Amino acid sequence: MEDAVKGSITFMCLAGGLEPDHNTINRFRSTRLKDAVNEIFT
């Protein structure tokens, strides 16, 4: 995802010109998607 935001104009537009790094993406996934990920894999 980090590479896509840096290399794809489509992802650049979706990200609003921001370039989140892997720590930001992981923090979002672990806090906001924790329940959904747990539900999918249990």
N, C-alpha and C. Protein backbone atom coordinates (compact mmCIF):
# COMPACT_ATOMS: atom_id res chain seq x y z
N MET A 1 0.84 -1.18 0.00
CA MET A 1 0.00 0.00 0.00
C MET A 1 0.88 1.25 0.00
N GLU A 2 1.93 1.20 0.80
CA GLU A 2 2.85 2.35 0.85
C GLU A 2 3.46 2.60 -0.53
N ASP A 3 3.89 1.55 -1.20
CA ASP A 3 4.48 1.69 -2.54
C ASP A 3 3.45 2.18 -3.55
N ALA A 4 2.21 1.70 -3.42
CA ALA A 4 1.15 2.11 -4.34
C ALA A 4 0.89 3.61 -4.25
N VAL A 5 0.89 4.15 -3.03
CA VAL A 5 0.64 5.58 -2.84
C VAL A 5 1.77 6.42 -3.45
N LYS A 6 2.97 5.86 -3.44
CA LYS A 6 4.10 6.59 -3.99
C LYS A 6 4.23 6.44 -5.50
N GLY A 7 3.64 5.37 -6.08
CA GLY A 7 3.89 5.10 -7.48
C GLY A 7 2.68 5.12 -8.40
N SER A 8 1.49 5.25 -7.85
CA SER A 8 0.28 5.21 -8.67
C SER A 8 -0.51 6.50 -8.50
N ILE A 9 -0.80 7.15 -9.60
CA ILE A 9 -1.54 8.41 -9.55
C ILE A 9 -2.93 8.20 -8.94
N THR A 10 -3.52 7.04 -9.17
CA THR A 10 -4.84 6.75 -8.59
C THR A 10 -4.77 6.74 -7.07
N PHE A 11 -3.79 6.02 -6.52
CA PHE A 11 -3.64 5.96 -5.07
C PHE A 11 -3.21 7.30 -4.50
N MET A 12 -2.42 8.07 -5.24
CA MET A 12 -2.02 9.40 -4.78
C MET A 12 -3.26 10.28 -4.60
N CYS A 13 -4.19 10.20 -5.54
CA CYS A 13 -5.42 10.99 -5.45
C CYS A 13 -6.28 10.53 -4.28
N LEU A 14 -6.40 9.20 -4.11
CA LEU A 14 -7.20 8.67 -3.00
C LEU A 14 -6.61 9.06 -1.65
N ALA A 15 -5.29 9.14 -1.57
CA ALA A 15 -4.62 9.50 -0.32
C ALA A 15 -4.56 11.00 -0.12
N GLY A 16 -5.04 11.77 -1.07
CA GLY A 16 -5.06 13.22 -0.93
C GLY A 16 -3.67 13.84 -0.93
N GLY A 17 -2.74 13.18 -1.63
CA GLY A 17 -1.39 13.71 -1.72
C GLY A 17 -0.50 13.34 -0.54
N LEU A 18 -1.05 12.65 0.45
CA LEU A 18 -0.25 12.22 1.60
C LEU A 18 0.46 10.92 1.27
N GLU A 19 1.59 10.68 1.92
CA GLU A 19 2.33 9.44 1.72
C GLU A 19 2.53 8.75 3.06
N PRO A 20 1.51 8.02 3.53
CA PRO A 20 1.66 7.33 4.81
C PRO A 20 2.69 6.22 4.72
N ASP A 21 3.48 6.05 5.78
CA ASP A 21 4.45 4.97 5.79
C ASP A 21 3.84 3.70 6.40
N HIS A 22 4.60 2.65 6.44
CA HIS A 22 4.08 1.37 6.92
C HIS A 22 3.64 1.43 8.38
N ASN A 23 4.27 2.26 9.19
CA ASN A 23 3.86 2.39 10.60
C ASN A 23 2.46 2.99 10.71
N THR A 24 2.18 3.98 9.91
CA THR A 24 0.86 4.62 9.93
C THR A 24 -0.21 3.63 9.48
N ILE A 25 0.06 2.90 8.41
CA ILE A 25 -0.89 1.92 7.90
C ILE A 25 -1.12 0.82 8.93
N ASN A 26 -0.06 0.34 9.55
CA ASN A 26 -0.19 -0.72 10.56
C ASN A 26 -0.96 -0.23 11.78
N ARG A 27 -0.70 0.99 12.21
CA ARG A 27 -1.41 1.55 13.36
C ARG A 27 -2.91 1.67 13.06
N PHE A 28 -3.26 2.13 11.86
CA PHE A 28 -4.66 2.22 11.46
C PHE A 28 -5.31 0.85 11.45
N ARG A 29 -4.60 -0.14 10.86
CA ARG A 29 -5.14 -1.49 10.77
C ARG A 29 -5.35 -2.09 12.15
N SER A 30 -4.40 -1.88 13.05
CA SER A 30 -4.49 -2.51 14.37
C SER A 30 -5.51 -1.84 15.28
N THR A 31 -5.80 -0.57 15.08
CA THR A 31 -6.76 0.10 15.95
C THR A 31 -8.18 0.11 15.37
N ARG A 32 -8.30 0.38 14.10
CA ARG A 32 -9.63 0.54 13.51
C ARG A 32 -10.19 -0.72 12.87
N LEU A 33 -9.33 -1.61 12.44
CA LEU A 33 -9.80 -2.81 11.76
C LEU A 33 -9.61 -4.08 12.58
N LYS A 34 -9.20 -3.94 13.82
CA LYS A 34 -8.90 -5.08 14.67
C LYS A 34 -10.07 -6.06 14.76
N ASP A 35 -11.26 -5.56 15.05
CA ASP A 35 -12.43 -6.43 15.21
C ASP A 35 -12.79 -7.13 13.90
N ALA A 36 -12.72 -6.39 12.80
CA ALA A 36 -13.05 -6.99 11.50
C ALA A 36 -12.05 -8.08 11.12
N VAL A 37 -10.78 -7.83 11.34
CA VAL A 37 -9.75 -8.81 11.01
C VAL A 37 -9.91 -10.04 11.89
N ASN A 38 -10.15 -9.84 13.17
CA ASN A 38 -10.36 -10.97 14.08
C ASN A 38 -11.58 -11.80 13.69
N GLU A 39 -12.65 -11.14 13.28
CA GLU A 39 -13.87 -11.84 12.88
C GLU A 39 -13.65 -12.66 11.62
N ILE A 40 -12.89 -12.11 10.68
CA ILE A 40 -12.62 -12.81 9.42
C ILE A 40 -11.80 -14.07 9.66
N PHE A 41 -10.81 -13.99 10.54
CA PHE A 41 -9.87 -15.09 10.71
C PHE A 41 -10.18 -16.02 11.88
N THR A 42 -11.35 -15.87 12.50
CA THR A 42 -11.72 -16.81 13.56
C THR A 42 -12.93 -17.62 13.20
